Amino acid sequence: MKLFTNLFKTKQQKVREACQDIHALIEDSQSHIADMQEIIQSMIDGVKSMQENIKEYQRLSEDNIALCDDIIRYLNEKEGDK
């Protein structure tokens, strides 16, 4: 009977250790998930910033094209005055 009791205690201890290991894995996973969520949010913020920069670049490019058109028009007028 004592052998059975010792065997039961040993199995019970192994189950307890396994549960503790599982609990530690869950906590680590939750921590990693939180870290990944922060990284994803940072990436989303970076993409939004890039989109804003692209819009500003497009606006500046359009302004530059309009300025070039004005210069060409001016030069054509000057050429026509000769």
N, C-alpha and C. Protein backbone atom coordinates (compact mmCIF):
# COMPACT_ATOMS: atom_id res chain seq x y z
N MET A 1 0.82 -1.19 0.00
CA MET A 1 0.00 0.00 0.00
C MET A 1 0.87 1.27 0.00
N LYS A 2 1.96 1.20 0.76
CA LYS A 2 2.86 2.34 0.83
C LYS A 2 3.48 2.63 -0.54
N LEU A 3 3.79 1.59 -1.28
CA LEU A 3 4.34 1.74 -2.63
C LEU A 3 3.33 2.46 -3.53
N PHE A 4 2.06 2.08 -3.43
CA PHE A 4 1.00 2.72 -4.22
C PHE A 4 0.87 4.19 -3.83
N THR A 5 0.95 4.48 -2.54
CA THR A 5 0.84 5.85 -2.05
C THR A 5 2.01 6.69 -2.56
N ASN A 6 3.21 6.13 -2.49
CA ASN A 6 4.38 6.84 -2.99
C ASN A 6 4.29 7.07 -4.50
N LEU A 7 3.82 6.06 -5.21
CA LEU A 7 3.65 6.18 -6.66
C LEU A 7 2.63 7.27 -6.99
N PHE A 8 1.53 7.31 -6.23
CA PHE A 8 0.49 8.32 -6.43
C PHE A 8 1.06 9.71 -6.16
N LYS A 9 1.84 9.86 -5.08
CA LYS A 9 2.43 11.16 -4.75
C LYS A 9 3.41 11.59 -5.84
N THR A 10 4.18 10.64 -6.34
CA THR A 10 5.13 10.96 -7.41
C THR A 10 4.38 11.42 -8.65
N LYS A 11 3.32 10.72 -9.02
CA LYS A 11 2.52 11.11 -10.20
C LYS A 11 1.88 12.46 -9.95
N GLN A 12 1.37 12.65 -8.75
CA GLN A 12 0.73 13.92 -8.40
C GLN A 12 1.74 15.07 -8.51
N GLN A 13 2.97 14.84 -8.06
CA GLN A 13 4.03 15.86 -8.14
C GLN A 13 4.36 16.15 -9.60
N LYS A 14 4.43 15.12 -10.43
CA LYS A 14 4.72 15.32 -11.85
C LYS A 14 3.60 16.11 -12.53
N VAL A 15 2.38 15.81 -12.18
CA VAL A 15 1.24 16.55 -12.74
C VAL A 15 1.32 18.00 -12.30
N ARG A 16 1.62 18.23 -11.04
CA ARG A 16 1.74 19.60 -10.52
C ARG A 16 2.85 20.35 -11.26
N GLU A 17 3.99 19.71 -11.46
CA GLU A 17 5.10 20.34 -12.18
C GLU A 17 4.72 20.63 -13.64
N ALA A 18 4.02 19.69 -14.24
CA ALA A 18 3.57 19.90 -15.62
C ALA A 18 2.60 21.08 -15.70
N CYS A 19 1.72 21.19 -14.74
CA CYS A 19 0.77 22.31 -14.71
C CYS A 19 1.52 23.63 -14.51
N GLN A 20 2.54 23.61 -13.68
CA GLN A 20 3.34 24.83 -13.48
C GLN A 20 4.07 25.20 -14.77
N ASP A 21 4.59 24.19 -15.46
CA ASP A 21 5.25 24.45 -16.74
C ASP A 21 4.28 25.04 -17.76
N ILE A 22 3.10 24.47 -17.81
CA ILE A 22 2.07 24.97 -18.74
C ILE A 22 1.70 26.41 -18.38
N HIS A 23 1.55 26.67 -17.09
CA HIS A 23 1.22 28.03 -16.64
C HIS A 23 2.32 29.01 -17.05
N ALA A 24 3.57 28.61 -16.89
CA ALA A 24 4.70 29.47 -17.28
C ALA A 24 4.68 29.71 -18.79
N LEU A 25 4.38 28.67 -19.56
CA LEU A 25 4.30 28.83 -21.02
C LEU A 25 3.19 29.80 -21.42
N ILE A 26 2.07 29.69 -20.74
CA ILE A 26 0.94 30.60 -21.02
C ILE A 26 1.33 32.03 -20.72
N GLU A 27 1.99 32.25 -19.57
CA GLU A 27 2.41 33.60 -19.21
C GLU A 27 3.40 34.15 -20.24
N ASP A 28 4.36 33.31 -20.66
CA ASP A 28 5.32 33.73 -21.67
C ASP A 28 4.62 34.07 -22.98
N SER A 29 3.67 33.23 -23.36
CA SER A 29 2.92 33.47 -24.60
C SER A 29 2.16 34.78 -24.53
N GLN A 30 1.52 35.05 -23.39
CA GLN A 30 0.78 36.30 -23.23
C GLN A 30 1.72 37.49 -23.33
N SER A 31 2.90 37.35 -22.75
CA SER A 31 3.89 38.43 -22.83
C SER A 31 4.33 38.65 -24.27
N HIS A 32 4.57 37.56 -24.99
CA HIS A 32 4.98 37.68 -26.39
C HIS A 32 3.86 38.28 -27.23
N ILE A 33 2.63 37.91 -26.95
CA ILE A 33 1.50 38.47 -27.68
C ILE A 33 1.42 39.97 -27.44
N ALA A 34 1.60 40.40 -26.20
CA ALA A 34 1.57 41.83 -25.89
C ALA A 34 2.70 42.56 -26.62
N ASP A 35 3.88 41.96 -26.64
CA ASP A 35 5.01 42.56 -27.37
C ASP A 35 4.69 42.67 -28.85
N MET A 36 4.11 41.61 -29.42
CA MET A 36 3.77 41.63 -30.84
C MET A 36 2.71 42.68 -31.13
N GLN A 37 1.75 42.85 -30.22
CA GLN A 37 0.73 43.87 -30.43
C GLN A 37 1.35 45.26 -30.46
N GLU A 38 2.32 45.50 -29.58
CA GLU A 38 3.00 46.79 -29.58
C GLU A 38 3.78 46.99 -30.88
N ILE A 39 4.44 45.95 -31.35
CA ILE A 39 5.19 46.04 -32.60
C ILE A 39 4.25 46.30 -33.77
N ILE A 40 3.13 45.59 -33.79
CA ILE A 40 2.15 45.78 -34.87
C ILE A 40 1.61 47.21 -34.84
N GLN A 41 1.31 47.72 -33.65
CA GLN A 41 0.80 49.09 -33.55
C GLN A 41 1.85 50.08 -34.04
N SER A 42 3.10 49.82 -33.70
CA SER A 42 4.20 50.68 -34.16
C SER A 42 4.29 50.64 -35.68
N MET A 43 4.13 49.45 -36.26
CA MET A 43 4.15 49.32 -37.72
C MET A 43 2.98 50.07 -38.35
N ILE A 44 1.81 49.97 -37.75
CA ILE A 44 0.63 50.69 -38.26
C ILE A 44 0.89 52.19 -38.24
N ASP A 45 1.45 52.67 -37.12
CA ASP A 45 1.77 54.09 -37.01
C ASP A 45 2.79 54.50 -38.07
N GLY A 46 3.78 53.63 -38.31
CA GLY A 46 4.79 53.91 -39.33
C GLY A 46 4.18 53.98 -40.71
N VAL A 47 3.25 53.08 -41.02
CA VAL A 47 2.59 53.09 -42.32
C VAL A 47 1.76 54.36 -42.48
N LYS A 48 1.06 54.77 -41.43
CA LYS A 48 0.27 56.01 -41.50
C LYS A 48 1.19 57.21 -41.77
N SER A 49 2.32 57.23 -41.09
CA SER A 49 3.28 58.31 -41.30
C SER A 49 3.80 58.29 -42.74
N MET A 50 4.09 57.12 -43.25
CA MET A 50 4.55 57.00 -44.63
C MET A 50 3.49 57.49 -45.60
N GLN A 51 2.22 57.16 -45.33
CA GLN A 51 1.14 57.61 -46.20
C GLN A 51 1.06 59.13 -46.22
N GLU A 52 1.20 59.75 -45.04
CA GLU A 52 1.17 61.20 -44.96
C GLU A 52 2.36 61.80 -45.71
N ASN A 53 3.53 61.18 -45.56
CA ASN A 53 4.71 61.67 -46.28
C ASN A 53 4.54 61.54 -47.79
N ILE A 54 3.94 60.45 -48.24
CA ILE A 54 3.71 60.26 -49.67
C ILE A 54 2.74 61.32 -50.20
N LYS A 55 1.68 61.61 -49.44
CA LYS A 55 0.74 62.65 -49.86
C LYS A 55 1.44 64.00 -49.97
N GLU A 56 2.30 64.30 -49.00
CA GLU A 56 3.04 65.57 -49.04
C GLU A 56 4.01 65.59 -50.22
N TYR A 57 4.67 64.47 -50.48
CA TYR A 57 5.57 64.37 -51.63
C TYR A 57 4.79 64.59 -52.93
N GLN A 58 3.61 63.98 -53.03
CA GLN A 58 2.79 64.16 -54.23
C GLN A 58 2.39 65.62 -54.39
N ARG A 59 2.02 66.27 -53.30
CA ARG A 59 1.63 67.68 -53.36
C ARG A 59 2.80 68.53 -53.83
N LEU A 60 3.97 68.26 -53.23
CA LEU A 60 5.16 69.03 -53.62
C LEU A 60 5.54 68.76 -55.08
N SER A 61 5.37 67.53 -55.53
CA SER A 61 5.67 67.20 -56.92
C SER A 61 4.72 67.94 -57.86
N GLU A 62 3.46 67.99 -57.49
CA GLU A 62 2.49 68.72 -58.31
C GLU A 62 2.84 70.21 -58.36
N ASP A 63 3.24 70.76 -57.20
CA ASP A 63 3.66 72.16 -57.17
C ASP A 63 4.89 72.37 -58.06
N ASN A 64 5.82 71.42 -58.00
CA ASN A 64 7.03 71.51 -58.81
C ASN A 64 6.69 71.44 -60.30
N ILE A 65 5.80 70.56 -60.68
CA ILE A 65 5.37 70.44 -62.08
C ILE A 65 4.71 71.73 -62.54
N ALA A 66 3.84 72.30 -61.68
CA ALA A 66 3.19 73.56 -62.03
C ALA A 66 4.22 74.67 -62.21
N LEU A 67 5.22 74.69 -61.35
CA LEU A 67 6.28 75.70 -61.46
C LEU A 67 7.07 75.50 -62.76
N CYS A 68 7.38 74.27 -63.08
CA CYS A 68 8.09 73.98 -64.33
C CYS A 68 7.25 74.40 -65.53
N ASP A 69 5.95 74.14 -65.48
CA ASP A 69 5.05 74.56 -66.56
C ASP A 69 5.07 76.08 -66.71
N ASP A 70 5.05 76.78 -65.57
CA ASP A 70 5.10 78.25 -65.61
C ASP A 70 6.41 78.73 -66.23
N ILE A 71 7.52 78.09 -65.88
CA ILE A 71 8.83 78.48 -66.43
C ILE A 71 8.86 78.22 -67.92
N ILE A 72 8.35 77.08 -68.36
CA ILE A 72 8.32 76.76 -69.80
C ILE A 72 7.45 77.77 -70.54
N ARG A 73 6.30 78.09 -69.96
CA ARG A 73 5.40 79.07 -70.58
C ARG A 73 6.10 80.43 -70.70
N TYR A 74 6.79 80.82 -69.62
CA TYR A 74 7.51 82.10 -69.61
C TYR A 74 8.62 82.09 -70.66
N LEU A 75 9.38 81.01 -70.72
CA LEU A 75 10.46 80.92 -71.70
C LEU A 75 9.91 80.92 -73.13
N ASN A 76 8.80 80.26 -73.35
CA ASN A 76 8.17 80.25 -74.68
C ASN A 76 7.71 81.65 -75.06
N GLU A 77 7.17 82.38 -74.07
CA GLU A 77 6.74 83.75 -74.34
C GLU A 77 7.95 84.62 -74.67
N LYS A 78 9.04 84.44 -73.91
CA LYS A 78 10.25 85.22 -74.15
C LYS A 78 10.82 84.90 -75.54
N GLU A 79 10.76 83.61 -75.88
CA GLU A 79 11.25 83.16 -77.19
C GLU A 79 10.41 83.78 -78.31
N GLY A 80 9.11 83.89 -78.04
CA GLY A 80 8.22 84.48 -79.03
C GLY A 80 8.41 85.97 -79.17
N ASP A 81 8.90 86.64 -78.13
CA ASP A 81 9.12 88.09 -78.18
C ASP A 81 10.34 88.44 -79.03
N LYS A 82 11.20 87.48 -79.31
CA LYS A 82 12.44 87.78 -80.05
C LYS A 82 12.19 87.94 -81.49
